[in-house]
Amino acid sequence: MFPLGVLQLYHSVSIGYFDARSFKFLSNRINALLEWLRLPADTLFILGTLPVLYLSWLGVSPMKPRTGFEEPRGELFTEIVETKRLKA
């Protein structure tokens, strides 16, 4: 967007806004080349934002409702018994 915007701004100031927004200017060879040169950076940006969007979706999507109280499997607590030491 940056190089194309600078070219369009220069064209609109030097020639005119209407001509800078025309199809003839937007479809010339330099603009097409700059658009293709942006493609790798745009691809990296899109691929970088997909995990962020997925994690955001996980944060705002409703959680699964619990079906009820379940007893834990196995022992959670063990009883510790202290024994008295004999004095020698």
N, C-alpha and C. Protein backbone atom coordinates (compact mmCIF):
# COMPACT_ATOMS: atom_id res chain seq x y z
N MET A 1 0.82 -1.19 0.00
CA MET A 1 0.00 0.00 0.00
C MET A 1 0.87 1.26 0.00
N PHE A 2 1.98 1.23 0.70
CA PHE A 2 2.77 2.45 0.85
C PHE A 2 3.33 2.96 -0.48
N PRO A 3 4.04 2.14 -1.29
CA PRO A 3 4.57 2.70 -2.54
C PRO A 3 3.48 3.12 -3.52
N LEU A 4 2.41 2.35 -3.58
CA LEU A 4 1.32 2.71 -4.49
C LEU A 4 0.63 4.00 -4.05
N GLY A 5 0.49 4.16 -2.76
CA GLY A 5 -0.14 5.38 -2.25
C GLY A 5 0.70 6.61 -2.51
N VAL A 6 2.02 6.47 -2.40
CA VAL A 6 2.91 7.60 -2.68
C VAL A 6 2.83 7.97 -4.16
N LEU A 7 2.85 6.97 -5.03
CA LEU A 7 2.73 7.24 -6.46
C LEU A 7 1.39 7.90 -6.80
N GLN A 8 0.33 7.42 -6.20
CA GLN A 8 -0.98 7.99 -6.47
C GLN A 8 -1.09 9.41 -5.92
N LEU A 9 -0.51 9.66 -4.76
CA LEU A 9 -0.52 11.02 -4.21
C LEU A 9 0.26 11.97 -5.11
N TYR A 10 1.43 11.54 -5.56
CA TYR A 10 2.23 12.38 -6.45
C TYR A 10 1.47 12.66 -7.75
N HIS A 11 0.83 11.63 -8.29
CA HIS A 11 0.07 11.80 -9.53
C HIS A 11 -1.13 12.73 -9.33
N SER A 12 -1.80 12.60 -8.18
CA SER A 12 -2.97 13.45 -7.95
C SER A 12 -2.58 14.90 -7.72
N VAL A 13 -1.41 15.15 -7.12
CA VAL A 13 -0.97 16.53 -6.90
C VAL A 13 -0.46 17.14 -8.20
N SER A 14 0.28 16.36 -8.97
CA SER A 14 0.86 16.93 -10.18
C SER A 14 -0.12 17.01 -11.34
N ILE A 15 -1.00 16.04 -11.50
CA ILE A 15 -1.91 16.04 -12.65
C ILE A 15 -3.35 16.30 -12.23
N GLY A 16 -3.84 15.56 -11.25
CA GLY A 16 -5.21 15.77 -10.80
C GLY A 16 -5.75 14.53 -10.11
N TYR A 17 -6.65 14.76 -9.17
CA TYR A 17 -7.22 13.67 -8.39
C TYR A 17 -8.03 12.71 -9.26
N PHE A 18 -8.80 13.25 -10.19
CA PHE A 18 -9.64 12.42 -11.04
C PHE A 18 -8.79 11.48 -11.88
N ASP A 19 -7.69 11.98 -12.40
CA ASP A 19 -6.81 11.14 -13.22
C ASP A 19 -6.09 10.09 -12.38
N ALA A 20 -5.77 10.43 -11.13
CA ALA A 20 -5.09 9.47 -10.25
C ALA A 20 -6.03 8.35 -9.82
N ARG A 21 -7.33 8.55 -9.88
CA ARG A 21 -8.30 7.51 -9.53
C ARG A 21 -8.83 6.77 -10.75
N SER A 22 -8.34 7.10 -11.94
CA SER A 22 -8.84 6.48 -13.16
C SER A 22 -8.29 5.07 -13.32
N PHE A 23 -9.00 4.27 -14.11
CA PHE A 23 -8.58 2.89 -14.36
C PHE A 23 -7.26 2.85 -15.12
N LYS A 24 -7.05 3.83 -15.96
CA LYS A 24 -5.81 3.88 -16.75
C LYS A 24 -4.59 3.99 -15.84
N PHE A 25 -4.68 4.84 -14.82
CA PHE A 25 -3.55 4.98 -13.91
C PHE A 25 -3.40 3.76 -13.00
N LEU A 26 -4.51 3.25 -12.49
CA LEU A 26 -4.46 2.13 -11.55
C LEU A 26 -4.01 0.82 -12.20
N SER A 27 -4.15 0.70 -13.51
CA SER A 27 -3.79 -0.55 -14.18
C SER A 27 -2.51 -0.43 -15.00
N ASN A 28 -1.68 0.57 -14.75
CA ASN A 28 -0.44 0.66 -15.53
C ASN A 28 0.59 -0.35 -15.03
N ARG A 29 1.69 -0.51 -15.76
CA ARG A 29 2.66 -1.57 -15.48
C ARG A 29 3.36 -1.39 -14.13
N ILE A 30 3.68 -0.18 -13.74
CA ILE A 30 4.39 0.05 -12.47
C ILE A 30 3.51 -0.35 -11.29
N ASN A 31 2.26 0.02 -11.32
CA ASN A 31 1.35 -0.35 -10.24
C ASN A 31 1.16 -1.87 -10.17
N ALA A 32 1.05 -2.51 -11.32
CA ALA A 32 0.89 -3.97 -11.32
C ALA A 32 2.14 -4.64 -10.76
N LEU A 33 3.31 -4.15 -11.11
CA LEU A 33 4.55 -4.72 -10.59
C LEU A 33 4.65 -4.53 -9.08
N LEU A 34 4.30 -3.36 -8.58
CA LEU A 34 4.36 -3.11 -7.14
C LEU A 34 3.35 -3.97 -6.38
N GLU A 35 2.20 -4.23 -6.98
CA GLU A 35 1.23 -5.11 -6.34
C GLU A 35 1.77 -6.53 -6.23
N TRP A 36 2.43 -7.03 -7.25
CA TRP A 36 2.99 -8.38 -7.20
C TRP A 36 4.18 -8.45 -6.25
N LEU A 37 4.93 -7.37 -6.11
CA LEU A 37 6.04 -7.37 -5.18
C LEU A 37 5.56 -7.39 -3.72
N ARG A 38 4.35 -6.93 -3.49
CA ARG A 38 3.77 -6.95 -2.14
C ARG A 38 3.26 -8.32 -1.74
N LEU A 39 3.07 -9.20 -2.68
CA LEU A 39 2.43 -10.49 -2.42
C LEU A 39 3.12 -11.32 -1.33
N PRO A 40 4.46 -11.49 -1.33
CA PRO A 40 5.07 -12.30 -0.26
C PRO A 40 4.85 -11.71 1.14
N ALA A 41 4.97 -10.41 1.27
CA ALA A 41 4.76 -9.79 2.58
C ALA A 41 3.30 -9.92 3.02
N ASP A 42 2.37 -9.77 2.09
CA ASP A 42 0.95 -9.94 2.43
C ASP A 42 0.65 -11.37 2.88
N THR A 43 1.27 -12.33 2.21
CA THR A 43 1.07 -13.74 2.57
C THR A 43 1.58 -14.01 3.98
N LEU A 44 2.76 -13.51 4.30
CA LEU A 44 3.30 -13.69 5.64
C LEU A 44 2.42 -13.03 6.69
N PHE A 45 1.89 -11.87 6.38
CA PHE A 45 1.01 -11.17 7.32
C PHE A 45 -0.26 -11.98 7.57
N ILE A 46 -0.85 -12.51 6.51
CA ILE A 46 -2.08 -13.29 6.65
C ILE A 46 -1.82 -14.56 7.44
N LEU A 47 -0.72 -15.25 7.13
CA LEU A 47 -0.41 -16.47 7.85
C LEU A 47 -0.05 -16.20 9.31
N GLY A 48 0.46 -15.02 9.60
CA GLY A 48 0.79 -14.67 10.97
C GLY A 48 -0.43 -14.29 11.79
N THR A 49 -1.46 -13.79 11.14
CA THR A 49 -2.65 -13.38 11.88
C THR A 49 -3.64 -14.53 12.08
N LEU A 50 -3.53 -15.59 11.31
CA LEU A 50 -4.47 -16.70 11.46
C LEU A 50 -4.39 -17.34 12.85
N PRO A 51 -3.20 -17.63 13.40
CA PRO A 51 -3.17 -18.19 14.76
C PRO A 51 -3.74 -17.23 15.80
N VAL A 52 -3.52 -15.95 15.62
CA VAL A 52 -4.06 -14.96 16.57
C VAL A 52 -5.58 -14.96 16.51
N LEU A 53 -6.14 -15.02 15.32
CA LEU A 53 -7.59 -15.07 15.19
C LEU A 53 -8.16 -16.35 15.78
N TYR A 54 -7.47 -17.47 15.58
CA TYR A 54 -7.93 -18.74 16.15
C TYR A 54 -7.91 -18.69 17.67
N LEU A 55 -6.84 -18.18 18.25
CA LEU A 55 -6.77 -18.09 19.71
C LEU A 55 -7.81 -17.11 20.25
N SER A 56 -8.08 -16.04 19.52
CA SER A 56 -9.12 -15.10 19.94
C SER A 56 -10.49 -15.78 19.92
N TRP A 57 -10.73 -16.59 18.89
CA TRP A 57 -12.00 -17.31 18.80
C TRP A 57 -12.15 -18.27 19.97
N LEU A 58 -11.08 -18.95 20.32
CA LEU A 58 -11.15 -19.85 21.46
C LEU A 58 -11.45 -19.10 22.75
N GLY A 59 -10.97 -17.87 22.86
CA GLY A 59 -11.21 -17.09 24.07
C GLY A 59 -12.63 -16.59 24.20
N VAL A 60 -13.29 -16.29 23.09
CA VAL A 60 -14.63 -15.73 23.17
C VAL A 60 -15.73 -16.74 22.90
N SER A 61 -15.38 -17.92 22.38
CA SER A 61 -16.41 -18.92 22.12
C SER A 61 -16.89 -19.50 23.45
N PRO A 62 -18.15 -19.85 23.51
CA PRO A 62 -18.68 -20.38 24.78
C PRO A 62 -18.04 -21.72 25.12
N MET A 63 -17.83 -21.90 26.41
CA MET A 63 -17.23 -23.15 26.89
C MET A 63 -18.29 -24.24 26.92
N LYS A 64 -17.85 -25.49 26.90
CA LYS A 64 -18.79 -26.61 26.97
C LYS A 64 -19.42 -26.66 28.35
N PRO A 65 -20.74 -26.81 28.42
CA PRO A 65 -21.37 -26.89 29.74
C PRO A 65 -21.03 -28.22 30.41
N ARG A 66 -20.91 -28.18 31.73
CA ARG A 66 -20.63 -29.38 32.49
C ARG A 66 -21.90 -30.20 32.62
N THR A 67 -21.74 -31.49 32.58
CA THR A 67 -22.91 -32.36 32.66
C THR A 67 -23.30 -32.66 34.09
N GLY A 68 -22.41 -32.47 35.01
CA GLY A 68 -22.72 -32.76 36.40
C GLY A 68 -21.44 -32.93 37.18
N PHE A 69 -21.60 -33.17 38.47
CA PHE A 69 -20.43 -33.33 39.33
C PHE A 69 -19.91 -34.76 39.20
N GLU A 70 -18.66 -34.88 38.91
CA GLU A 70 -18.07 -36.20 38.78
C GLU A 70 -17.08 -36.42 39.91
N GLU A 71 -17.12 -37.61 40.46
CA GLU A 71 -16.16 -37.96 41.50
C GLU A 71 -14.81 -38.22 40.87
N PRO A 72 -13.76 -37.75 41.51
CA PRO A 72 -12.43 -37.99 40.95
C PRO A 72 -12.04 -39.46 41.07
N ARG A 73 -11.25 -39.89 40.13
CA ARG A 73 -10.77 -41.27 40.17
C ARG A 73 -9.50 -41.34 41.00
N GLY A 74 -9.37 -42.35 41.80
CA GLY A 74 -8.19 -42.51 42.62
C GLY A 74 -8.27 -41.66 43.87
N GLU A 75 -7.23 -41.69 44.65
CA GLU A 75 -7.21 -40.94 45.89
C GLU A 75 -6.63 -39.56 45.66
N LEU A 76 -7.29 -38.58 46.20
CA LEU A 76 -6.76 -37.22 46.13
C LEU A 76 -5.90 -36.91 47.34
N PHE A 77 -6.34 -37.39 48.48
CA PHE A 77 -5.63 -37.07 49.71
C PHE A 77 -5.19 -38.36 50.40
N THR A 78 -4.06 -38.28 51.02
CA THR A 78 -3.60 -39.41 51.84
C THR A 78 -3.41 -38.90 53.25
N GLU A 79 -3.69 -39.76 54.17
CA GLU A 79 -3.58 -39.36 55.57
C GLU A 79 -2.14 -39.57 56.04
N ILE A 80 -1.59 -38.56 56.67
CA ILE A 80 -0.22 -38.65 57.18
C ILE A 80 -0.31 -38.90 58.67
N VAL A 81 0.29 -39.96 59.13
CA VAL A 81 0.27 -40.32 60.54
C VAL A 81 1.70 -40.13 61.08
N GLU A 82 1.81 -39.34 62.12
CA GLU A 82 3.12 -39.14 62.74
C GLU A 82 3.28 -40.14 63.88
N THR A 83 4.42 -40.70 63.96
CA THR A 83 4.72 -41.62 65.06
C THR A 83 5.66 -40.93 66.03
N LYS A 84 5.50 -41.24 67.31
CA LYS A 84 6.36 -40.64 68.32
C LYS A 84 7.69 -41.37 68.34
N ARG A 85 8.75 -40.59 68.43
CA ARG A 85 10.08 -41.17 68.51
C ARG A 85 10.39 -41.51 69.97
N LEU A 86 11.03 -42.59 70.13
CA LEU A 86 11.44 -42.99 71.48
C LEU A 86 12.73 -42.27 71.83
N LYS A 87 12.79 -41.74 73.07
CA LYS A 87 14.01 -41.07 73.49
C LYS A 87 15.01 -42.11 73.96
N ALA A 88 16.21 -41.98 73.56
CA ALA A 88 17.23 -42.95 73.93
C ALA A 88 17.99 -42.59 75.16
